[in-house]
Amino acid sequence: MKKPPRGGFCVGDLAAEIADLKALIGLNLQKVQIERARLERYIGGIECAETRLIFRLRHVGGMTWREIGAELHMSHVGAYNKHKAHLKNEQN
């Protein structure tokens, strides 16, 4: 039986681990693409252009409320409230 080298790792084991990790990364990328498409469909269905932009900046662009407010020339509270109002209307 072969002993692992001094560091305790066998090249074959490491290669298998790398292959497994690459496969997991590929699956996670597919999940992200599916969720991104769902998000884009949801955002695309928002009637109000300003609210649609707020959702896109926040959930696709990852911007903070302050950044969104500055981008749209409104207060960050105003941007947040438009977002919140849309979600509340969706629940009703």
PDB file of N, CA and C in Angstrom:
ATOM      1  N   MET A   1       0.838  -1.178   0.000  1.00  0.00           N
ATOM      2  CA  MET A   1       0.000   0.000   0.000  1.00  0.00           C
ATOM      3  C   MET A   1       0.884   1.243   0.000  1.00  0.00           C
ATOM      4  N   LYS A   2       0.530   2.194  -0.831  1.00  0.00           N
ATOM      5  CA  LYS A   2       1.301   3.429  -0.946  1.00  0.00           C
ATOM      6  C   LYS A   2       1.039   4.333   0.246  1.00  0.00           C
ATOM      7  N   LYS A   3       2.087   4.942   0.737  1.00  0.00           N
ATOM      8  CA  LYS A   3       1.948   5.935   1.797  1.00  0.00           C
ATOM      9  C   LYS A   3       1.873   7.316   1.164  1.00  0.00           C
ATOM     10  N   PRO A   4       1.063   8.213   1.750  1.00  0.00           N
ATOM     11  CA  PRO A   4       1.061   9.580   1.222  1.00  0.00           C
ATOM     12  C   PRO A   4       2.400  10.245   1.475  1.00  0.00           C
ATOM     13  N   PRO A   5       2.762  11.229   0.658  1.00  0.00           N
ATOM     14  CA  PRO A   5       4.015  11.938   0.877  1.00  0.00           C
ATOM     15  C   PRO A   5       4.029  12.605   2.249  1.00  0.00           C
ATOM     16  N   ARG A   6       5.149  13.165   2.585  1.00  0.00           N
ATOM     17  CA  ARG A   6       5.365  13.763   3.914  1.00  0.00           C
ATOM     18  C   ARG A   6       4.273  14.743   4.325  1.00  0.00           C
ATOM     19  N   GLY A   7       3.790  15.534   3.398  1.00  0.00           N
ATOM     20  CA  GLY A   7       2.766  16.526   3.726  1.00  0.00           C
ATOM     21  C   GLY A   7       1.406  15.909   3.988  1.00  0.00           C
ATOM     22  N   GLY A   8       1.249  14.635   3.707  1.00  0.00           N
ATOM     23  CA  GLY A   8      -0.006  13.961   3.983  1.00  0.00           C
ATOM     24  C   GLY A   8      -0.994  13.968   2.824  1.00  0.00           C
ATOM     25  N   PHE A   9      -0.608  14.516   1.677  1.00  0.00           N
ATOM     26  CA  PHE A   9      -1.516  14.599   0.551  1.00  0.00           C
ATOM     27  C   PHE A   9      -1.002  13.742  -0.593  1.00  0.00           C
ATOM     28  N   CYS A  10      -1.930  13.088  -1.252  1.00  0.00           N
ATOM     29  CA  CYS A  10      -1.613  12.299  -2.431  1.00  0.00           C
ATOM     30  C   CYS A  10      -2.121  13.086  -3.645  1.00  0.00           C
ATOM     31  N   VAL A  11      -1.327  13.189  -4.678  1.00  0.00           N
ATOM     32  CA  VAL A  11      -1.685  13.969  -5.856  1.00  0.00           C
ATOM     33  C   VAL A  11      -3.009  13.494  -6.445  1.00  0.00           C
ATOM     34  N   GLY A  12      -3.225  12.204  -6.483  1.00  0.00           N
ATOM     35  CA  GLY A  12      -4.475  11.674  -7.021  1.00  0.00           C
ATOM     36  C   GLY A  12      -5.683  12.136  -6.210  1.00  0.00           C
ATOM     37  N   ASP A  13      -5.542  12.158  -4.885  1.00  0.00           N
ATOM     38  CA  ASP A  13      -6.638  12.626  -4.031  1.00  0.00           C
ATOM     39  C   ASP A  13      -6.914  14.106  -4.272  1.00  0.00           C
ATOM     40  N   LEU A  14      -5.852  14.878  -4.411  1.00  0.00           N
ATOM     41  CA  LEU A  14      -6.017  16.314  -4.650  1.00  0.00           C
ATOM     42  C   LEU A  14      -6.668  16.566  -6.007  1.00  0.00           C
ATOM     43  N   ALA A  15      -6.289  15.798  -7.018  1.00  0.00           N
ATOM     44  CA  ALA A  15      -6.881  15.959  -8.343  1.00  0.00           C
ATOM     45  C   ALA A  15      -8.372  15.629  -8.295  1.00  0.00           C
ATOM     46  N   ALA A  16      -8.739  14.581  -7.561  1.00  0.00           N
ATOM     47  CA  ALA A  16     -10.156  14.218  -7.428  1.00  0.00           C
ATOM     48  C   ALA A  16     -10.920  15.313  -6.697  1.00  0.00           C
ATOM     49  N   GLU A  17     -10.314  15.862  -5.658  1.00  0.00           N
ATOM     50  CA  GLU A  17     -10.949  16.957  -4.906  1.00  0.00           C
ATOM     51  C   GLU A  17     -11.156  18.178  -5.796  1.00  0.00           C
ATOM     52  N   ILE A  18     -10.164  18.503  -6.605  1.00  0.00           N
ATOM     53  CA  ILE A  18     -10.273  19.641  -7.521  1.00  0.00           C
ATOM     54  C   ILE A  18     -11.403  19.401  -8.522  1.00  0.00           C
ATOM     55  N   ALA A  19     -11.489  18.204  -9.059  1.00  0.00           N
ATOM     56  CA  ALA A  19     -12.547  17.878 -10.011  1.00  0.00           C
ATOM     57  C   ALA A  19     -13.920  18.002  -9.355  1.00  0.00           C
ATOM     58  N   ASP A  20     -14.050  17.512  -8.122  1.00  0.00           N
ATOM     59  CA  ASP A  20     -15.318  17.628  -7.396  1.00  0.00           C
ATOM     60  C   ASP A  20     -15.684  19.089  -7.163  1.00  0.00           C
ATOM     61  N   LEU A  21     -14.715  19.890  -6.774  1.00  0.00           N
ATOM     62  CA  LEU A  21     -14.972  21.309  -6.519  1.00  0.00           C
ATOM     63  C   LEU A  21     -15.363  22.042  -7.800  1.00  0.00           C
ATOM     64  N   LYS A  22     -14.719  21.699  -8.914  1.00  0.00           N
ATOM     65  CA  LYS A  22     -15.083  22.315 -10.192  1.00  0.00           C
ATOM     66  C   LYS A  22     -16.520  21.966 -10.571  1.00  0.00           C
ATOM     67  N   ALA A  23     -16.912  20.723 -10.316  1.00  0.00           N
ATOM     68  CA  ALA A  23     -18.288  20.312 -10.615  1.00  0.00           C
ATOM     69  C   ALA A  23     -19.278  21.082  -9.737  1.00  0.00           C
ATOM     70  N   LEU A  24     -18.961  21.249  -8.456  1.00  0.00           N
ATOM     71  CA  LEU A  24     -19.831  22.011  -7.551  1.00  0.00           C
ATOM     72  C   LEU A  24     -19.933  23.474  -7.980  1.00  0.00           C
ATOM     73  N   ILE A  25     -18.819  24.038  -8.384  1.00  0.00           N
ATOM     74  CA  ILE A  25     -18.831  25.426  -8.863  1.00  0.00           C
ATOM     75  C   ILE A  25     -19.725  25.537 -10.094  1.00  0.00           C
ATOM     76  N   GLY A  26     -19.620  24.584 -10.994  1.00  0.00           N
ATOM     77  CA  GLY A  26     -20.461  24.587 -12.190  1.00  0.00           C
ATOM     78  C   GLY A  26     -21.939  24.519 -11.851  1.00  0.00           C
ATOM     79  N   LEU A  27     -22.293  23.662 -10.903  1.00  0.00           N
ATOM     80  CA  LEU A  27     -23.699  23.557 -10.481  1.00  0.00           C
ATOM     81  C   LEU A  27     -24.172  24.852  -9.829  1.00  0.00           C
ATOM     82  N   ASN A  28     -23.334  25.437  -9.002  1.00  0.00           N
ATOM     83  CA  ASN A  28     -23.703  26.693  -8.344  1.00  0.00           C
ATOM     84  C   ASN A  28     -23.849  27.828  -9.353  1.00  0.00           C
ATOM     85  N   LEU A  29     -23.019  27.850 -10.372  1.00  0.00           N
ATOM     86  CA  LEU A  29     -23.154  28.862 -11.418  1.00  0.00           C
ATOM     87  C   LEU A  29     -24.479  28.694 -12.160  1.00  0.00           C
ATOM     88  N   GLN A  30     -24.873  27.461 -12.416  1.00  0.00           N
ATOM     89  CA  GLN A  30     -26.163  27.214 -13.068  1.00  0.00           C
ATOM     90  C   GLN A  30     -27.309  27.719 -12.196  1.00  0.00           C
ATOM     91  N   LYS A  31     -27.229  27.460 -10.888  1.00  0.00           N
ATOM     92  CA  LYS A  31     -28.259  27.943  -9.966  1.00  0.00           C
ATOM     93  C   LYS A  31     -28.325  29.462  -9.972  1.00  0.00           C
ATOM     94  N   VAL A  32     -27.166  30.102  -9.968  1.00  0.00           N
ATOM     95  CA  VAL A  32     -27.123  31.564  -9.985  1.00  0.00           C
ATOM     96  C   VAL A  32     -27.756  32.095 -11.264  1.00  0.00           C
ATOM     97  N   GLN A  33     -27.459  31.476 -12.392  1.00  0.00           N
ATOM     98  CA  GLN A  33     -28.028  31.919 -13.664  1.00  0.00           C
ATOM     99  C   GLN A  33     -29.544  31.763 -13.676  1.00  0.00           C
ATOM    100  N   ILE A  34     -30.038  30.678 -13.106  1.00  0.00           N
ATOM    101  CA  ILE A  34     -31.488  30.468 -13.038  1.00  0.00           C
ATOM    102  C   ILE A  34     -32.135  31.527 -12.151  1.00  0.00           C
ATOM    103  N   GLU A  35     -31.557  31.777 -10.991  1.00  0.00           N
ATOM    104  CA  GLU A  35     -32.107  32.782 -10.079  1.00  0.00           C
ATOM    105  C   GLU A  35     -32.023  34.185 -10.679  1.00  0.00           C
ATOM    106  N   ARG A  36     -30.936  34.463 -11.388  1.00  0.00           N
ATOM    107  CA  ARG A  36     -30.794  35.770 -12.045  1.00  0.00           C
ATOM    108  C   ARG A  36     -31.893  35.964 -13.094  1.00  0.00           C
ATOM    109  N   ALA A  37     -32.180  34.924 -13.855  1.00  0.00           N
ATOM    110  CA  ALA A  37     -33.237  35.002 -14.862  1.00  0.00           C
ATOM    111  C   ALA A  37     -34.600  35.219 -14.205  1.00  0.00           C
ATOM    112  N   ARG A  38     -34.844  34.527 -13.092  1.00  0.00           N
ATOM    113  CA  ARG A  38     -36.109  34.720 -12.360  1.00  0.00           C
ATOM    114  C   ARG A  38     -36.216  36.154 -11.853  1.00  0.00           C
ATOM    115  N   LEU A  39     -35.123  36.663 -11.304  1.00  0.00           N
ATOM    116  CA  LEU A  39     -35.102  38.035 -10.796  1.00  0.00           C
ATOM    117  C   LEU A  39     -35.353  39.034 -11.917  1.00  0.00           C
ATOM    118  N   GLU A  40     -34.699  38.833 -13.054  1.00  0.00           N
ATOM    119  CA  GLU A  40     -34.877  39.734 -14.193  1.00  0.00           C
ATOM    120  C   GLU A  40     -36.325  39.705 -14.697  1.00  0.00           C
ATOM    121  N   ARG A  41     -36.948  38.514 -14.723  1.00  0.00           N
ATOM    122  CA  ARG A  41     -38.357  38.418 -15.127  1.00  0.00           C
ATOM    123  C   ARG A  41     -39.246  39.178 -14.156  1.00  0.00           C
ATOM    124  N   TYR A  42     -38.979  39.013 -12.865  1.00  0.00           N
ATOM    125  CA  TYR A  42     -39.785  39.709 -11.857  1.00  0.00           C
ATOM    126  C   TYR A  42     -39.638  41.221 -12.019  1.00  0.00           C
ATOM    127  N   ILE A  43     -38.399  41.685 -12.102  1.00  0.00           N
ATOM    128  CA  ILE A  43     -38.148  43.120 -12.230  1.00  0.00           C
ATOM    129  C   ILE A  43     -38.763  43.652 -13.518  1.00  0.00           C
ATOM    130  N   GLY A  44     -38.629  42.901 -14.605  1.00  0.00           N
ATOM    131  CA  GLY A  44     -39.193  43.321 -15.882  1.00  0.00           C
ATOM    132  C   GLY A  44     -40.702  43.462 -15.847  1.00  0.00           C
ATOM    133  N   GLY A  45     -41.352  42.772 -14.916  1.00  0.00           N
ATOM    134  CA  GLY A  45     -42.795  42.836 -14.801  1.00  0.00           C
ATOM    135  C   GLY A  45     -43.314  43.986 -13.950  1.00  0.00           C
ATOM    136  N   ILE A  46     -42.416  44.759 -13.355  1.00  0.00           N
ATOM    137  CA  ILE A  46     -42.831  45.902 -12.539  1.00  0.00           C
ATOM    138  C   ILE A  46     -43.252  47.026 -13.477  1.00  0.00           C
ATOM    139  N   GLU A  47     -44.477  47.510 -13.304  1.00  0.00           N
ATOM    140  CA  GLU A  47     -45.018  48.526 -14.219  1.00  0.00           C
ATOM    141  C   GLU A  47     -44.300  49.865 -14.138  1.00  0.00           C
ATOM    142  N   CYS A  48     -44.091  50.368 -12.948  1.00  0.00           N
ATOM    143  CA  CYS A  48     -43.501  51.696 -12.760  1.00  0.00           C
ATOM    144  C   CYS A  48     -42.007  51.649 -13.099  1.00  0.00           C
ATOM    145  N   ALA A  49     -41.597  52.476 -14.059  1.00  0.00           N
ATOM    146  CA  ALA A  49     -40.201  52.480 -14.512  1.00  0.00           C
ATOM    147  C   ALA A  49     -39.238  52.844 -13.380  1.00  0.00           C
ATOM    148  N   GLU A  50     -39.619  53.791 -12.551  1.00  0.00           N
ATOM    149  CA  GLU A  50     -38.733  54.199 -11.456  1.00  0.00           C
ATOM    150  C   GLU A  50     -38.570  53.074 -10.432  1.00  0.00           C
ATOM    151  N   THR A  51     -39.670  52.436 -10.088  1.00  0.00           N
ATOM    152  CA  THR A  51     -39.604  51.311  -9.148  1.00  0.00           C
ATOM    153  C   THR A  51     -38.804  50.163  -9.748  1.00  0.00           C
ATOM    154  N   ARG A  52     -39.004  49.914 -11.030  1.00  0.00           N
ATOM    155  CA  ARG A  52     -38.244  48.868 -11.728  1.00  0.00           C
ATOM    156  C   ARG A  52     -36.746  49.162 -11.643  1.00  0.00           C
ATOM    157  N   LEU A  53     -36.374  50.425 -11.847  1.00  0.00           N
ATOM    158  CA  LEU A  53     -34.966  50.813 -11.774  1.00  0.00           C
ATOM    159  C   LEU A  53     -34.434  50.651 -10.357  1.00  0.00           C
ATOM    160  N   ILE A  54     -35.224  51.019  -9.362  1.00  0.00           N
ATOM    161  CA  ILE A  54     -34.802  50.852  -7.971  1.00  0.00           C
ATOM    162  C   ILE A  54     -34.514  49.378  -7.688  1.00  0.00           C
ATOM    163  N   PHE A  55     -35.408  48.508  -8.114  1.00  0.00           N
ATOM    164  CA  PHE A  55     -35.200  47.069  -7.901  1.00  0.00           C
ATOM    165  C   PHE A  55     -33.938  46.584  -8.625  1.00  0.00           C
ATOM    166  N   ARG A  56     -33.740  47.057  -9.853  1.00  0.00           N
ATOM    167  CA  ARG A  56     -32.567  46.616 -10.612  1.00  0.00           C
ATOM    168  C   ARG A  56     -31.274  47.096  -9.943  1.00  0.00           C
ATOM    169  N   LEU A  57     -31.240  48.353  -9.530  1.00  0.00           N
ATOM    170  CA  LEU A  57     -30.038  48.888  -8.884  1.00  0.00           C
ATOM    171  C   LEU A  57     -29.745  48.155  -7.580  1.00  0.00           C
ATOM    172  N   ARG A  58     -30.798  47.847  -6.843  1.00  0.00           N
ATOM    173  CA  ARG A  58     -30.625  47.208  -5.542  1.00  0.00           C
ATOM    174  C   ARG A  58     -30.272  45.725  -5.675  1.00  0.00           C
ATOM    175  N   HIS A  59     -31.054  44.993  -6.447  1.00  0.00           N
ATOM    176  CA  HIS A  59     -30.934  43.533  -6.442  1.00  0.00           C
ATOM    177  C   HIS A  59     -30.023  42.969  -7.518  1.00  0.00           C
ATOM    178  N   VAL A  60     -29.811  43.700  -8.581  1.00  0.00           N
ATOM    179  CA  VAL A  60     -28.867  43.252  -9.613  1.00  0.00           C
ATOM    180  C   VAL A  60     -27.542  43.987  -9.432  1.00  0.00           C
ATOM    181  N   GLY A  61     -27.621  45.302  -9.222  1.00  0.00           N
ATOM    182  CA  GLY A  61     -26.411  46.103  -9.074  1.00  0.00           C
ATOM    183  C   GLY A  61     -25.797  46.071  -7.690  1.00  0.00           C
ATOM    184  N   GLY A  62     -26.576  45.639  -6.694  1.00  0.00           N
ATOM    185  CA  GLY A  62     -26.041  45.536  -5.340  1.00  0.00           C
ATOM    186  C   GLY A  62     -25.761  46.876  -4.675  1.00  0.00           C
ATOM    187  N   MET A  63     -26.430  47.921  -5.136  1.00  0.00           N
ATOM    188  CA  MET A  63     -26.189  49.255  -4.596  1.00  0.00           C
ATOM    189  C   MET A  63     -26.871  49.434  -3.243  1.00  0.00           C
ATOM    190  N   THR A  64     -26.310  50.325  -2.435  1.00  0.00           N
ATOM    191  CA  THR A  64     -26.928  50.663  -1.159  1.00  0.00           C
ATOM    192  C   THR A  64     -28.080  51.621  -1.411  1.00  0.00           C
ATOM    193  N   TRP A  65     -28.926  51.800  -0.386  1.00  0.00           N
ATOM    194  CA  TRP A  65     -30.042  52.739  -0.524  1.00  0.00           C
ATOM    195  C   TRP A  65     -29.529  54.154  -0.764  1.00  0.00           C
ATOM    196  N   ARG A  66     -28.450  54.518  -0.115  1.00  0.00           N
ATOM    197  CA  ARG A  66     -27.875  55.861  -0.324  1.00  0.00           C
ATOM    198  C   ARG A  66     -27.388  56.038  -1.758  1.00  0.00           C
ATOM    199  N   GLU A  67     -26.722  55.016  -2.290  1.00  0.00           N
ATOM    200  CA  GLU A  67     -26.249  55.080  -3.673  1.00  0.00           C
ATOM    201  C   GLU A  67     -27.421  55.176  -4.647  1.00  0.00           C
ATOM    202  N   ILE A  68     -28.472  54.418  -4.380  1.00  0.00           N
ATOM    203  CA  ILE A  68     -29.649  54.456  -5.246  1.00  0.00           C
ATOM    204  C   ILE A  68     -30.298  55.831  -5.190  1.00  0.00           C
ATOM    205  N   GLY A  69     -30.446  56.357  -3.985  1.00  0.00           N
ATOM    206  CA  GLY A  69     -31.021  57.695  -3.839  1.00  0.00           C
ATOM    207  C   GLY A  69     -30.224  58.733  -4.605  1.00  0.00           C
ATOM    208  N   ALA A  70     -28.910  58.683  -4.489  1.00  0.00           N
ATOM    209  CA  ALA A  70     -28.057  59.644  -5.200  1.00  0.00           C
ATOM    210  C   ALA A  70     -28.182  59.473  -6.711  1.00  0.00           C
ATOM    211  N   GLU A  71     -28.218  58.237  -7.160  1.00  0.00           N
ATOM    212  CA  GLU A  71     -28.336  57.945  -8.596  1.00  0.00           C
ATOM    213  C   GLU A  71     -29.645  58.487  -9.174  1.00  0.00           C
ATOM    214  N   LEU A  72     -30.721  58.396  -8.382  1.00  0.00           N
ATOM    215  CA  LEU A  72     -32.046  58.793  -8.865  1.00  0.00           C
ATOM    216  C   LEU A  72     -32.449  60.193  -8.388  1.00  0.00           C
ATOM    217  N   HIS A  73     -31.524  60.892  -7.755  1.00  0.00           N
ATOM    218  CA  HIS A  73     -31.773  62.253  -7.261  1.00  0.00           C
ATOM    219  C   HIS A  73     -32.974  62.291  -6.315  1.00  0.00           C
ATOM    220  N   MET A  74     -32.970  61.359  -5.371  1.00  0.00           N
ATOM    221  CA  MET A  74     -33.998  61.330  -4.333  1.00  0.00           C
ATOM    222  C   MET A  74     -33.312  60.913  -3.038  1.00  0.00           C
ATOM    223  N   SER A  75     -34.025  61.000  -1.946  1.00  0.00           N
ATOM    224  CA  SER A  75     -33.433  60.561  -0.690  1.00  0.00           C
ATOM    225  C   SER A  75     -33.365  59.032  -0.661  1.00  0.00           C
ATOM    226  N   HIS A  76     -32.441  58.539   0.134  1.00  0.00           N
ATOM    227  CA  HIS A  76     -32.345  57.081   0.266  1.00  0.00           C
ATOM    228  C   HIS A  76     -33.615  56.521   0.899  1.00  0.00           C
ATOM    229  N   VAL A  77     -34.242  57.307   1.771  1.00  0.00           N
ATOM    230  CA  VAL A  77     -35.493  56.880   2.395  1.00  0.00           C
ATOM    231  C   VAL A  77     -36.598  56.791   1.344  1.00  0.00           C
ATOM    232  N   GLY A  78     -36.627  57.739   0.416  1.00  0.00           N
ATOM    233  CA  GLY A  78     -37.619  57.699  -0.657  1.00  0.00           C
ATOM    234  C   GLY A  78     -37.467  56.466  -1.521  1.00  0.00           C
ATOM    235  N   ALA A  79     -36.223  56.126  -1.858  1.00  0.00           N
ATOM    236  CA  ALA A  79     -35.970  54.925  -2.668  1.00  0.00           C
ATOM    237  C   ALA A  79     -36.404  53.671  -1.905  1.00  0.00           C
ATOM    238  N   TYR A  80     -36.037  53.607  -0.633  1.00  0.00           N
ATOM    239  CA  TYR A  80     -36.402  52.459   0.196  1.00  0.00           C
ATOM    240  C   TYR A  80     -37.921  52.339   0.300  1.00  0.00           C
ATOM    241  N   ASN A  81     -38.592  53.473   0.514  1.00  0.00           N
ATOM    242  CA  ASN A  81     -40.050  53.451   0.674  1.00  0.00           C
ATOM    243  C   ASN A  81     -40.762  53.009  -0.598  1.00  0.00           C
ATOM    244  N   LYS A  82     -40.249  53.400  -1.770  1.00  0.00           N
ATOM    245  CA  LYS A  82     -40.851  52.946  -3.038  1.00  0.00           C
ATOM    246  C   LYS A  82     -40.706  51.425  -3.172  1.00  0.00           C
ATOM    247  N   HIS A  83     -39.545  50.935  -2.816  1.00  0.00           N
ATOM    248  CA  HIS A  83     -39.274  49.498  -2.854  1.00  0.00           C
ATOM    249  C   HIS A  83     -40.226  48.771  -1.903  1.00  0.00           C
ATOM    250  N   LYS A  84     -40.315  49.260  -0.688  1.00  0.00           N
ATOM    251  CA  LYS A  84     -41.160  48.656   0.335  1.00  0.00           C
ATOM    252  C   LYS A  84     -42.643  48.690  -0.074  1.00  0.00           C
ATOM    253  N   ALA A  85     -43.089  49.816  -0.621  1.00  0.00           N
ATOM    254  CA  ALA A  85     -44.485  49.948  -1.044  1.00  0.00           C
ATOM    255  C   ALA A  85     -44.818  48.957  -2.149  1.00  0.00           C
ATOM    256  N   HIS A  86     -43.887  48.771  -3.079  1.00  0.00           N
ATOM    257  CA  HIS A  86     -44.131  47.802  -4.155  1.00  0.00           C
ATOM    258  C   HIS A  86     -44.292  46.396  -3.578  1.00  0.00           C
ATOM    259  N   LEU A  87     -43.403  46.025  -2.672  1.00  0.00           N
ATOM    260  CA  LEU A  87     -43.486  44.689  -2.077  1.00  0.00           C
ATOM    261  C   LEU A  87     -44.778  44.511  -1.287  1.00  0.00           C
ATOM    262  N   LYS A  88     -45.194  45.565  -0.587  1.00  0.00           N
ATOM    263  CA  LYS A  88     -46.430  45.500   0.182  1.00  0.00           C
ATOM    264  C   LYS A  88     -47.630  45.324  -0.753  1.00  0.00           C
ATOM    265  N   ASN A  89     -47.629  46.054  -1.864  1.00  0.00           N
ATOM    266  CA  ASN A  89     -48.723  45.919  -2.845  1.00  0.00           C
ATOM    267  C   ASN A  89     -48.744  44.532  -3.477  1.00  0.00           C
ATOM    268  N   GLU A  90     -47.577  43.925  -3.645  1.00  0.00           N
ATOM    269  CA  GLU A  90     -47.500  42.575  -4.212  1.00  0.00           C
ATOM    270  C   GLU A  90     -48.152  41.550  -3.293  1.00  0.00           C
ATOM    271  N   GLN A  91     -48.063  41.779  -1.993  1.00  0.00           N
ATOM    272  CA  GLN A  91     -48.619  40.826  -1.030  1.00  0.00           C
ATOM    273  C   GLN A  91     -50.136  40.901  -0.974  1.00  0.00           C
ATOM    274  N   ASN A  92     -50.689  42.048  -1.342  1.00  0.00           N
ATOM    275  CA  ASN A  92     -52.146  42.217  -1.267  1.00  0.00           C
ATOM    276  C   ASN A  92     -52.843  41.744  -2.517  1.00  0.00           C
TER     277      ASN A  92
END
